[in-house]
Amino acid sequence: MNLQQEKWWVDAQSDENAVILDVRTAEEFERGIIPNAINIDIYKGQGFIYMVEELDKSKNYYVYCHAGSRSAKACEVMQQLGFEKTFNLSGGISEWNGPIIEPN
């Protein structure tokens, strides 16, 4: 499901079951992230699928990339793998007005 950034962020903050997932490359991730995001690069292909399959399917995933298209694809792939709740950030981090931090 595509969400506009305000709803995406408010929902992610109020959802006790939320996981924020950044599907950009490691280099992009290092430039700044939405707080508490984990990184699994969708460009890793089968590696992405292996890593996503290790995630808890009972959680709710708030997914983003640079502009919103990779994360939309990631949500589709995750749903095919049995994840029921995936939320794509429309416009991605490039249009993000919320907090951005350095990854740990």
PDB file of N, CA and C in Angstrom:
ATOM      1  N   MET A   1       0.843  -1.177   0.000  1.00  0.00           N
ATOM      2  CA  MET A   1       0.000   0.000   0.000  1.00  0.00           C
ATOM      3  C   MET A   1       0.889   1.242   0.000  1.00  0.00           C
ATOM      4  N   ASN A   2       0.612   2.183  -0.891  1.00  0.00           N
ATOM      5  CA  ASN A   2       1.345   3.439  -0.949  1.00  0.00           C
ATOM      6  C   ASN A   2       0.746   4.432   0.040  1.00  0.00           C
ATOM      7  N   LEU A   3       1.601   5.055   0.837  1.00  0.00           N
ATOM      8  CA  LEU A   3       1.143   6.062   1.786  1.00  0.00           C
ATOM      9  C   LEU A   3       1.908   7.361   1.562  1.00  0.00           C
ATOM     10  N   GLN A   4       1.222   8.492   1.712  1.00  0.00           N
ATOM     11  CA  GLN A   4       1.893   9.782   1.690  1.00  0.00           C
ATOM     12  C   GLN A   4       2.738   9.887   2.958  1.00  0.00           C
ATOM     13  N   GLN A   5       3.797  10.704   2.897  1.00  0.00           N
ATOM     14  CA  GLN A   5       4.783  10.683   3.965  1.00  0.00           C
ATOM     15  C   GLN A   5       4.229  10.988   5.357  1.00  0.00           C
ATOM     16  N   GLU A   6       3.301  11.920   5.474  1.00  0.00           N
ATOM     17  CA  GLU A   6       2.807  12.242   6.815  1.00  0.00           C
ATOM     18  C   GLU A   6       2.116  11.038   7.446  1.00  0.00           C
ATOM     19  N   LYS A   7       1.229  10.369   6.690  1.00  0.00           N
ATOM     20  CA  LYS A   7       0.537   9.194   7.218  1.00  0.00           C
ATOM     21  C   LYS A   7       1.524   8.051   7.455  1.00  0.00           C
ATOM     22  N   TRP A   8       2.464   7.872   6.524  1.00  0.00           N
ATOM     23  CA  TRP A   8       3.471   6.811   6.658  1.00  0.00           C
ATOM     24  C   TRP A   8       4.239   6.980   7.966  1.00  0.00           C
ATOM     25  N   TRP A   9       4.690   8.193   8.245  1.00  0.00           N
ATOM     26  CA  TRP A   9       5.506   8.467   9.436  1.00  0.00           C
ATOM     27  C   TRP A   9       4.683   8.357  10.710  1.00  0.00           C
ATOM     28  N   VAL A  10       3.489   8.964  10.731  1.00  0.00           N
ATOM     29  CA  VAL A  10       2.631   8.906  11.913  1.00  0.00           C
ATOM     30  C   VAL A  10       2.269   7.456  12.223  1.00  0.00           C
ATOM     31  N   ASP A  11       1.895   6.710  11.178  1.00  0.00           N
ATOM     32  CA  ASP A  11       1.539   5.299  11.384  1.00  0.00           C
ATOM     33  C   ASP A  11       2.733   4.502  11.897  1.00  0.00           C
ATOM     34  N   ALA A  12       3.913   4.728  11.319  1.00  0.00           N
ATOM     35  CA  ALA A  12       5.112   3.996  11.745  1.00  0.00           C
ATOM     36  C   ALA A  12       5.454   4.300  13.198  1.00  0.00           C
ATOM     37  N   GLN A  13       5.275   5.547  13.611  1.00  0.00           N
ATOM     38  CA  GLN A  13       5.596   5.938  14.991  1.00  0.00           C
ATOM     39  C   GLN A  13       4.601   5.380  15.999  1.00  0.00           C
ATOM     40  N   SER A  14       3.334   5.246  15.605  1.00  0.00           N
ATOM     41  CA  SER A  14       2.313   4.793  16.544  1.00  0.00           C
ATOM     42  C   SER A  14       2.114   3.277  16.513  1.00  0.00           C
ATOM     43  N   ASP A  15       2.780   2.597  15.590  1.00  0.00           N
ATOM     44  CA  ASP A  15       2.621   1.154  15.392  1.00  0.00           C
ATOM     45  C   ASP A  15       3.693   0.416  16.199  1.00  0.00           C
ATOM     46  N   GLU A  16       3.269  -0.263  17.260  1.00  0.00           N
ATOM     47  CA  GLU A  16       4.225  -0.994  18.103  1.00  0.00           C
ATOM     48  C   GLU A  16       4.860  -2.170  17.370  1.00  0.00           C
ATOM     49  N   ASN A  17       4.285  -2.545  16.249  1.00  0.00           N
ATOM     50  CA  ASN A  17       4.756  -3.686  15.476  1.00  0.00           C
ATOM     51  C   ASN A  17       5.521  -3.242  14.224  1.00  0.00           C
ATOM     52  N   ALA A  18       5.917  -1.968  14.176  1.00  0.00           N
ATOM     53  CA  ALA A  18       6.521  -1.394  12.966  1.00  0.00           C
ATOM     54  C   ALA A  18       8.005  -1.727  12.830  1.00  0.00           C
ATOM     55  N   VAL A  19       8.407  -1.958  11.575  1.00  0.00           N
ATOM     56  CA  VAL A  19       9.811  -2.040  11.194  1.00  0.00           C
ATOM     57  C   VAL A  19       9.978  -1.107   9.996  1.00  0.00           C
ATOM     58  N   ILE A  20      10.944  -0.184  10.082  1.00  0.00           N
ATOM     59  CA  ILE A  20      11.225   0.708   8.959  1.00  0.00           C
ATOM     60  C   ILE A  20      12.344   0.073   8.144  1.00  0.00           C
ATOM     61  N   LEU A  21      12.068  -0.156   6.871  1.00  0.00           N
ATOM     62  CA  LEU A  21      12.991  -0.871   5.992  1.00  0.00           C
ATOM     63  C   LEU A  21      13.422   0.027   4.834  1.00  0.00           C
ATOM     64  N   ASP A  22      14.732   0.250   4.739  1.00  0.00           N
ATOM     65  CA  ASP A  22      15.348   1.039   3.666  1.00  0.00           C
ATOM     66  C   ASP A  22      15.893   0.040   2.648  1.00  0.00           C
ATOM     67  N   VAL A  23      15.412   0.102   1.399  1.00  0.00           N
ATOM     68  CA  VAL A  23      15.842  -0.872   0.391  1.00  0.00           C
ATOM     69  C   VAL A  23      16.839  -0.276  -0.601  1.00  0.00           C
ATOM     70  N   ARG A  24      17.472   0.852  -0.233  1.00  0.00           N
ATOM     71  CA  ARG A  24      18.483   1.468  -1.087  1.00  0.00           C
ATOM     72  C   ARG A  24      19.820   0.723  -0.953  1.00  0.00           C
ATOM     73  N   THR A  25      20.797   1.148  -1.753  1.00  0.00           N
ATOM     74  CA  THR A  25      22.129   0.552  -1.669  1.00  0.00           C
ATOM     75  C   THR A  25      22.807   0.982  -0.371  1.00  0.00           C
ATOM     76  N   ALA A  26      23.859   0.266   0.015  1.00  0.00           N
ATOM     77  CA  ALA A  26      24.608   0.613   1.224  1.00  0.00           C
ATOM     78  C   ALA A  26      25.168   2.027   1.126  1.00  0.00           C
ATOM     79  N   GLU A  27      25.619   2.416  -0.068  1.00  0.00           N
ATOM     80  CA  GLU A  27      26.173   3.761  -0.249  1.00  0.00           C
ATOM     81  C   GLU A  27      25.104   4.823  -0.006  1.00  0.00           C
ATOM     82  N   GLU A  28      23.902   4.593  -0.531  1.00  0.00           N
ATOM     83  CA  GLU A  28      22.797   5.528  -0.303  1.00  0.00           C
ATOM     84  C   GLU A  28      22.427   5.571   1.184  1.00  0.00           C
ATOM     85  N   PHE A  29      22.400   4.411   1.816  1.00  0.00           N
ATOM     86  CA  PHE A  29      22.056   4.290   3.233  1.00  0.00           C
ATOM     87  C   PHE A  29      23.017   5.120   4.078  1.00  0.00           C
ATOM     88  N   GLU A  30      24.302   5.079   3.733  1.00  0.00           N
ATOM     89  CA  GLU A  30      25.321   5.803   4.505  1.00  0.00           C
ATOM     90  C   GLU A  30      25.147   7.318   4.436  1.00  0.00           C
ATOM     91  N   ARG A  31      24.437   7.818   3.421  1.00  0.00           N
ATOM     92  CA  ARG A  31      24.250   9.265   3.260  1.00  0.00           C
ATOM     93  C   ARG A  31      23.193   9.823   4.203  1.00  0.00           C
ATOM     94  N   GLY A  32      22.443   8.973   4.865  1.00  0.00           N
ATOM     95  CA  GLY A  32      21.409   9.421   5.786  1.00  0.00           C
ATOM     96  C   GLY A  32      20.176   8.556   5.667  1.00  0.00           C
ATOM     97  N   ILE A  33      19.552   8.318   6.823  1.00  0.00           N
ATOM     98  CA  ILE A  33      18.407   7.404   6.878  1.00  0.00           C
ATOM     99  C   ILE A  33      17.268   8.014   7.688  1.00  0.00           C
ATOM    100  N   ILE A  34      16.093   7.459   7.509  1.00  0.00           N
ATOM    101  CA  ILE A  34      14.971   7.757   8.386  1.00  0.00           C
ATOM    102  C   ILE A  34      15.244   6.999   9.692  1.00  0.00           C
ATOM    103  N   PRO A  35      15.075   7.652  10.849  1.00  0.00           N
ATOM    104  CA  PRO A  35      15.440   7.013  12.126  1.00  0.00           C
ATOM    105  C   PRO A  35      14.908   5.591  12.284  1.00  0.00           C
ATOM    106  N   ASN A  36      15.779   4.731  12.825  1.00  0.00           N
ATOM    107  CA  ASN A  36      15.493   3.326  13.152  1.00  0.00           C
ATOM    108  C   ASN A  36      15.378   2.403  11.948  1.00  0.00           C
ATOM    109  N   ALA A  37      15.743   2.884  10.767  1.00  0.00           N
ATOM    110  CA  ALA A  37      15.635   2.043   9.573  1.00  0.00           C
ATOM    111  C   ALA A  37      16.699   0.951   9.562  1.00  0.00           C
ATOM    112  N   ILE A  38      16.305  -0.209   9.034  1.00  0.00           N
ATOM    113  CA  ILE A  38      17.266  -1.257   8.712  1.00  0.00           C
ATOM    114  C   ILE A  38      17.426  -1.261   7.199  1.00  0.00           C
ATOM    115  N   ASN A  39      18.571  -1.746   6.734  1.00  0.00           N
ATOM    116  CA  ASN A  39      18.872  -1.684   5.298  1.00  0.00           C
ATOM    117  C   ASN A  39      18.994  -3.077   4.705  1.00  0.00           C
ATOM    118  N   ILE A  40      18.189  -3.344   3.669  1.00  0.00           N
ATOM    119  CA  ILE A  40      18.339  -4.538   2.836  1.00  0.00           C
ATOM    120  C   ILE A  40      18.219  -4.056   1.394  1.00  0.00           C
ATOM    121  N   ASP A  41      19.303  -4.110   0.669  1.00  0.00           N
ATOM    122  CA  ASP A  41      19.383  -3.565  -0.690  1.00  0.00           C
ATOM    123  C   ASP A  41      18.613  -4.441  -1.682  1.00  0.00           C
ATOM    124  N   ILE A  42      17.574  -3.866  -2.296  1.00  0.00           N
ATOM    125  CA  ILE A  42      16.763  -4.630  -3.255  1.00  0.00           C
ATOM    126  C   ILE A  42      17.569  -5.007  -4.495  1.00  0.00           C
ATOM    127  N   TYR A  43      18.627  -4.258  -4.809  1.00  0.00           N
ATOM    128  CA  TYR A  43      19.451  -4.582  -5.971  1.00  0.00           C
ATOM    129  C   TYR A  43      20.250  -5.870  -5.782  1.00  0.00           C
ATOM    130  N   LYS A  44      20.229  -6.445  -4.579  1.00  0.00           N
ATOM    131  CA  LYS A  44      20.947  -7.704  -4.339  1.00  0.00           C
ATOM    132  C   LYS A  44      20.188  -8.901  -4.918  1.00  0.00           C
ATOM    133  N   GLY A  45      19.010  -8.668  -5.501  1.00  0.00           N
ATOM    134  CA  GLY A  45      18.282  -9.738  -6.180  1.00  0.00           C
ATOM    135  C   GLY A  45      17.911 -10.866  -5.244  1.00  0.00           C
ATOM    136  N   GLN A  46      18.435 -12.057  -5.542  1.00  0.00           N
ATOM    137  CA  GLN A  46      18.134 -13.228  -4.713  1.00  0.00           C
ATOM    138  C   GLN A  46      18.617 -13.021  -3.289  1.00  0.00           C
ATOM    139  N   GLY A  47      19.708 -12.304  -3.112  1.00  0.00           N
ATOM    140  CA  GLY A  47      20.205 -11.988  -1.772  1.00  0.00           C
ATOM    141  C   GLY A  47      19.189 -11.189  -0.973  1.00  0.00           C
ATOM    142  N   PHE A  48      18.487 -10.285  -1.660  1.00  0.00           N
ATOM    143  CA  PHE A  48      17.418  -9.511  -1.013  1.00  0.00           C
ATOM    144  C   PHE A  48      16.339 -10.462  -0.510  1.00  0.00           C
ATOM    145  N   ILE A  49      15.943 -11.399  -1.357  1.00  0.00           N
ATOM    146  CA  ILE A  49      14.895 -12.354  -0.977  1.00  0.00           C
ATOM    147  C   ILE A  49      15.335 -13.190   0.219  1.00  0.00           C
ATOM    148  N   TYR A  50      16.586 -13.685   0.202  1.00  0.00           N
ATOM    149  CA  TYR A  50      17.082 -14.475   1.335  1.00  0.00           C
ATOM    150  C   TYR A  50      17.029 -13.668   2.625  1.00  0.00           C
ATOM    151  N   MET A  51      17.476 -12.402   2.567  1.00  0.00           N
ATOM    152  CA  MET A  51      17.522 -11.579   3.776  1.00  0.00           C
ATOM    153  C   MET A  51      16.116 -11.218   4.258  1.00  0.00           C
ATOM    154  N   VAL A  52      15.214 -10.910   3.344  1.00  0.00           N
ATOM    155  CA  VAL A  52      13.839 -10.571   3.715  1.00  0.00           C
ATOM    156  C   VAL A  52      13.147 -11.780   4.339  1.00  0.00           C
ATOM    157  N   GLU A  53      13.429 -12.965   3.832  1.00  0.00           N
ATOM    158  CA  GLU A  53      12.793 -14.162   4.384  1.00  0.00           C
ATOM    159  C   GLU A  53      13.190 -14.431   5.829  1.00  0.00           C
ATOM    160  N   GLU A  54      14.294 -13.823   6.278  1.00  0.00           N
ATOM    161  CA  GLU A  54      14.718 -13.955   7.674  1.00  0.00           C
ATOM    162  C   GLU A  54      13.925 -13.040   8.603  1.00  0.00           C
ATOM    163  N   LEU A  55      13.196 -12.067   8.035  1.00  0.00           N
ATOM    164  CA  LEU A  55      12.435 -11.113   8.841  1.00  0.00           C
ATOM    165  C   LEU A  55      11.161 -11.746   9.397  1.00  0.00           C
ATOM    166  N   ASP A  56      10.652 -11.160  10.465  1.00  0.00           N
ATOM    167  CA  ASP A  56       9.438 -11.615  11.133  1.00  0.00           C
ATOM    168  C   ASP A  56       8.219 -11.178  10.316  1.00  0.00           C
ATOM    169  N   LYS A  57       7.505 -12.143   9.756  1.00  0.00           N
ATOM    170  CA  LYS A  57       6.357 -11.833   8.910  1.00  0.00           C
ATOM    171  C   LYS A  57       5.175 -11.262   9.687  1.00  0.00           C
ATOM    172  N   SER A  58       5.202 -11.351  11.015  1.00  0.00           N
ATOM    173  CA  SER A  58       4.100 -10.806  11.811  1.00  0.00           C
ATOM    174  C   SER A  58       4.239  -9.296  12.032  1.00  0.00           C
ATOM    175  N   LYS A  59       5.382  -8.737  11.672  1.00  0.00           N
ATOM    176  CA  LYS A  59       5.603  -7.295  11.829  1.00  0.00           C
ATOM    177  C   LYS A  59       4.977  -6.535  10.663  1.00  0.00           C
ATOM    178  N   ASN A  60       4.868  -5.205  10.836  1.00  0.00           N
ATOM    179  CA  ASN A  60       4.359  -4.313   9.794  1.00  0.00           C
ATOM    180  C   ASN A  60       5.546  -3.533   9.237  1.00  0.00           C
ATOM    181  N   TYR A  61       5.754  -3.597   7.937  1.00  0.00           N
ATOM    182  CA  TYR A  61       6.953  -3.019   7.314  1.00  0.00           C
ATOM    183  C   TYR A  61       6.639  -1.720   6.582  1.00  0.00           C
ATOM    184  N   TYR A  62       7.349  -0.674   7.009  1.00  0.00           N
ATOM    185  CA  TYR A  62       7.266   0.657   6.402  1.00  0.00           C
ATOM    186  C   TYR A  62       8.520   0.802   5.554  1.00  0.00           C
ATOM    187  N   VAL A  63       8.334   0.747   4.249  1.00  0.00           N
ATOM    188  CA  VAL A  63       9.442   0.569   3.307  1.00  0.00           C
ATOM    189  C   VAL A  63       9.674   1.849   2.514  1.00  0.00           C
ATOM    190  N   TYR A  64      10.970   2.183   2.329  1.00  0.00           N
ATOM    191  CA  TYR A  64      11.280   3.351   1.504  1.00  0.00           C
ATOM    192  C   TYR A  64      12.563   3.135   0.709  1.00  0.00           C
ATOM    193  N   CYS A  65      12.704   3.951  -0.343  1.00  0.00           N
ATOM    194  CA  CYS A  65      13.929   4.006  -1.147  1.00  0.00           C
ATOM    195  C   CYS A  65      14.166   5.473  -1.479  1.00  0.00           C
ATOM    196  N   HIS A  66      14.819   5.757  -2.596  1.00  0.00           N
ATOM    197  CA  HIS A  66      15.106   7.144  -2.949  1.00  0.00           C
ATOM    198  C   HIS A  66      13.851   7.866  -3.440  1.00  0.00           C
ATOM    199  N   ALA A  67      13.134   7.268  -4.397  1.00  0.00           N
ATOM    200  CA  ALA A  67      11.996   7.953  -5.011  1.00  0.00           C
ATOM    201  C   ALA A  67      10.668   7.205  -4.897  1.00  0.00           C
ATOM    202  N   GLY A  68      10.678   5.996  -4.398  1.00  0.00           N
ATOM    203  CA  GLY A  68       9.443   5.249  -4.182  1.00  0.00           C
ATOM    204  C   GLY A  68       9.204   4.067  -5.097  1.00  0.00           C
ATOM    205  N   SER A  69      10.011   3.917  -6.163  1.00  0.00           N
ATOM    206  CA  SER A  69       9.730   2.801  -7.080  1.00  0.00           C
ATOM    207  C   SER A  69      10.374   1.497  -6.609  1.00  0.00           C
ATOM    208  N   ARG A  70      11.614   1.543  -6.131  1.00  0.00           N
ATOM    209  CA  ARG A  70      12.233   0.306  -5.616  1.00  0.00           C
ATOM    210  C   ARG A  70      11.471  -0.206  -4.407  1.00  0.00           C
ATOM    211  N   SER A  71      11.039   0.715  -3.547  1.00  0.00           N
ATOM    212  CA  SER A  71      10.313   0.280  -2.348  1.00  0.00           C
ATOM    213  C   SER A  71       8.937  -0.284  -2.710  1.00  0.00           C
ATOM    214  N   ALA A  72       8.312   0.255  -3.750  1.00  0.00           N
ATOM    215  CA  ALA A  72       7.040  -0.323  -4.209  1.00  0.00           C
ATOM    216  C   ALA A  72       7.269  -1.750  -4.679  1.00  0.00           C
ATOM    217  N   LYS A  73       8.346  -1.980  -5.422  1.00  0.00           N
ATOM    218  CA  LYS A  73       8.698  -3.327  -5.887  1.00  0.00           C
ATOM    219  C   LYS A  73       9.001  -4.234  -4.696  1.00  0.00           C
ATOM    220  N   ALA A  74       9.733  -3.691  -3.709  1.00  0.00           N
ATOM    221  CA  ALA A  74      10.055  -4.474  -2.519  1.00  0.00           C
ATOM    222  C   ALA A  74       8.783  -4.909  -1.797  1.00  0.00           C
ATOM    223  N   CYS A  75       7.812  -4.012  -1.694  1.00  0.00           N
ATOM    224  CA  CYS A  75       6.535  -4.366  -1.055  1.00  0.00           C
ATOM    225  C   CYS A  75       5.842  -5.491  -1.808  1.00  0.00           C
ATOM    226  N   GLU A  76       5.870  -5.430  -3.147  1.00  0.00           N
ATOM    227  CA  GLU A  76       5.269  -6.497  -3.960  1.00  0.00           C
ATOM    228  C   GLU A  76       5.955  -7.830  -3.687  1.00  0.00           C
ATOM    229  N   VAL A  77       7.286  -7.829  -3.700  1.00  0.00           N
ATOM    230  CA  VAL A  77       8.052  -9.054  -3.464  1.00  0.00           C
ATOM    231  C   VAL A  77       7.745  -9.600  -2.071  1.00  0.00           C
ATOM    232  N   MET A  78       7.723  -8.718  -1.077  1.00  0.00           N
ATOM    233  CA  MET A  78       7.460  -9.151   0.294  1.00  0.00           C
ATOM    234  C   MET A  78       6.065  -9.754   0.419  1.00  0.00           C
ATOM    235  N   GLN A  79       5.087  -9.177  -0.261  1.00  0.00           N
ATOM    236  CA  GLN A  79       3.738  -9.737  -0.209  1.00  0.00           C
ATOM    237  C   GLN A  79       3.704 -11.124  -0.841  1.00  0.00           C
ATOM    238  N   GLN A  80       4.458 -11.315  -1.921  1.00  0.00           N
ATOM    239  CA  GLN A  80       4.538 -12.642  -2.544  1.00  0.00           C
ATOM    240  C   GLN A  80       5.189 -13.652  -1.607  1.00  0.00           C
ATOM    241  N   LEU A  81       6.039 -13.168  -0.703  1.00  0.00           N
ATOM    242  CA  LEU A  81       6.723 -14.041   0.249  1.00  0.00           C
ATOM    243  C   LEU A  81       5.899 -14.265   1.523  1.00  0.00           C
ATOM    244  N   GLY A  82       4.716 -13.666   1.599  1.00  0.00           N
ATOM    245  CA  GLY A  82       3.838 -13.909   2.741  1.00  0.00           C
ATOM    246  C   GLY A  82       3.762 -12.801   3.767  1.00  0.00           C
ATOM    247  N   PHE A  83       4.357 -11.651   3.490  1.00  0.00           N
ATOM    248  CA  PHE A  83       4.238 -10.514   4.399  1.00  0.00           C
ATOM    249  C   PHE A  83       2.894  -9.850   4.123  1.00  0.00           C
ATOM    250  N   GLU A  84       2.084  -9.684   5.170  1.00  0.00           N
ATOM    251  CA  GLU A  84       0.740  -9.164   4.968  1.00  0.00           C
ATOM    252  C   GLU A  84       0.681  -7.649   4.998  1.00  0.00           C
ATOM    253  N   LYS A  85       1.545  -7.005   5.781  1.00  0.00           N
ATOM    254  CA  LYS A  85       1.446  -5.552   5.956  1.00  0.00           C
ATOM    255  C   LYS A  85       2.734  -4.867   5.551  1.00  0.00           C
ATOM    256  N   THR A  86       2.741  -4.320   4.337  1.00  0.00           N
ATOM    257  CA  THR A  86       3.863  -3.537   3.840  1.00  0.00           C
ATOM    258  C   THR A  86       3.317  -2.199   3.359  1.00  0.00           C
ATOM    259  N   PHE A  87       4.014  -1.130   3.720  1.00  0.00           N
ATOM    260  CA  PHE A  87       3.568   0.221   3.402  1.00  0.00           C
ATOM    261  C   PHE A  87       4.694   0.977   2.710  1.00  0.00           C
ATOM    262  N   ASN A  88       4.462   1.374   1.480  1.00  0.00           N
ATOM    263  CA  ASN A  88       5.465   2.080   0.687  1.00  0.00           C
ATOM    264  C   ASN A  88       5.374   3.585   0.922  1.00  0.00           C
ATOM    265  N   LEU A  89       6.538   4.213   1.110  1.00  0.00           N
ATOM    266  CA  LEU A  89       6.606   5.668   1.260  1.00  0.00           C
ATOM    267  C   LEU A  89       6.565   6.309  -0.119  1.00  0.00           C
ATOM    268  N   SER A  90       5.427   6.915  -0.471  1.00  0.00           N
ATOM    269  CA  SER A  90       5.298   7.593  -1.766  1.00  0.00           C
ATOM    270  C   SER A  90       6.313   8.727  -1.863  1.00  0.00           C
ATOM    271  N   GLY A  91       7.039   8.756  -2.974  1.00  0.00           N
ATOM    272  CA  GLY A  91       8.037   9.807  -3.189  1.00  0.00           C
ATOM    273  C   GLY A  91       9.394   9.510  -2.599  1.00  0.00           C
ATOM    274  N   GLY A  92       9.472   8.507  -1.722  1.00  0.00           N
ATOM    275  CA  GLY A  92      10.749   8.106  -1.148  1.00  0.00           C
ATOM    276  C   GLY A  92      11.404   9.184  -0.304  1.00  0.00           C
ATOM    277  N   ILE A  93      12.665   8.925   0.033  1.00  0.00           N
ATOM    278  CA  ILE A  93      13.411   9.841   0.898  1.00  0.00           C
ATOM    279  C   ILE A  93      13.737  11.146   0.173  1.00  0.00           C
ATOM    280  N   SER A  94      13.697  11.140  -1.155  1.00  0.00           N
ATOM    281  CA  SER A  94      14.004  12.359  -1.912  1.00  0.00           C
ATOM    282  C   SER A  94      12.971  13.458  -1.659  1.00  0.00           C
ATOM    283  N   GLU A  95      11.743  13.074  -1.294  1.00  0.00           N
ATOM    284  CA  GLU A  95      10.701  14.053  -1.006  1.00  0.00           C
ATOM    285  C   GLU A  95      10.377  14.130   0.482  1.00  0.00           C
ATOM    286  N   TRP A  96      11.190  13.482   1.287  1.00  0.00           N
ATOM    287  CA  TRP A  96      10.946  13.350   2.723  1.00  0.00           C
ATOM    288  C   TRP A  96      11.195  14.670   3.439  1.00  0.00           C
ATOM    289  N   ASN A  97      10.237  15.080   4.267  1.00  0.00           N
ATOM    290  CA  ASN A  97      10.375  16.287   5.079  1.00  0.00           C
ATOM    291  C   ASN A  97      10.604  15.978   6.544  1.00  0.00           C
ATOM    292  N   GLY A  98      10.625  14.704   6.880  1.00  0.00           N
ATOM    293  CA  GLY A  98      10.799  14.290   8.273  1.00  0.00           C
ATOM    294  C   GLY A  98      12.278  14.181   8.648  1.00  0.00           C
ATOM    295  N   PRO A  99      12.558  13.621   9.815  1.00  0.00           N
ATOM    296  CA  PRO A  99      13.927  13.530  10.308  1.00  0.00           C
ATOM    297  C   PRO A  99      14.789  12.569   9.472  1.00  0.00           C
ATOM    298  N   ILE A 100      16.040  12.957   9.302  1.00  0.00           N
ATOM    299  CA  ILE A 100      17.056  12.105   8.665  1.00  0.00           C
ATOM    300  C   ILE A 100      18.271  12.117   9.588  1.00  0.00           C
ATOM    301  N   ILE A 101      18.788  10.935   9.860  1.00  0.00           N
ATOM    302  CA  ILE A 101      19.948  10.812  10.755  1.00  0.00           C
ATOM    303  C   ILE A 101      21.057  10.025  10.049  1.00  0.00           C
ATOM    304  N   GLU A 102      22.249  10.063  10.657  1.00  0.00           N
ATOM    305  CA  GLU A 102      23.357   9.231  10.196  1.00  0.00           C
ATOM    306  C   GLU A 102      23.131   7.822  10.710  1.00  0.00           C
ATOM    307  N   PRO A 103      23.362   6.796   9.868  1.00  0.00           N
ATOM    308  CA  PRO A 103      23.215   5.422  10.373  1.00  0.00           C
ATOM    309  C   PRO A 103      24.294   5.107  11.410  1.00  0.00           C
ATOM    310  N   ASN A 104      23.979   4.199  12.319  1.00  0.00           N
ATOM    311  CA  ASN A 104      24.933   3.817  13.375  1.00  0.00           C
ATOM    312  C   ASN A 104      26.016   2.922  12.825  1.00  0.00           C
TER     313      ASN A 104
END
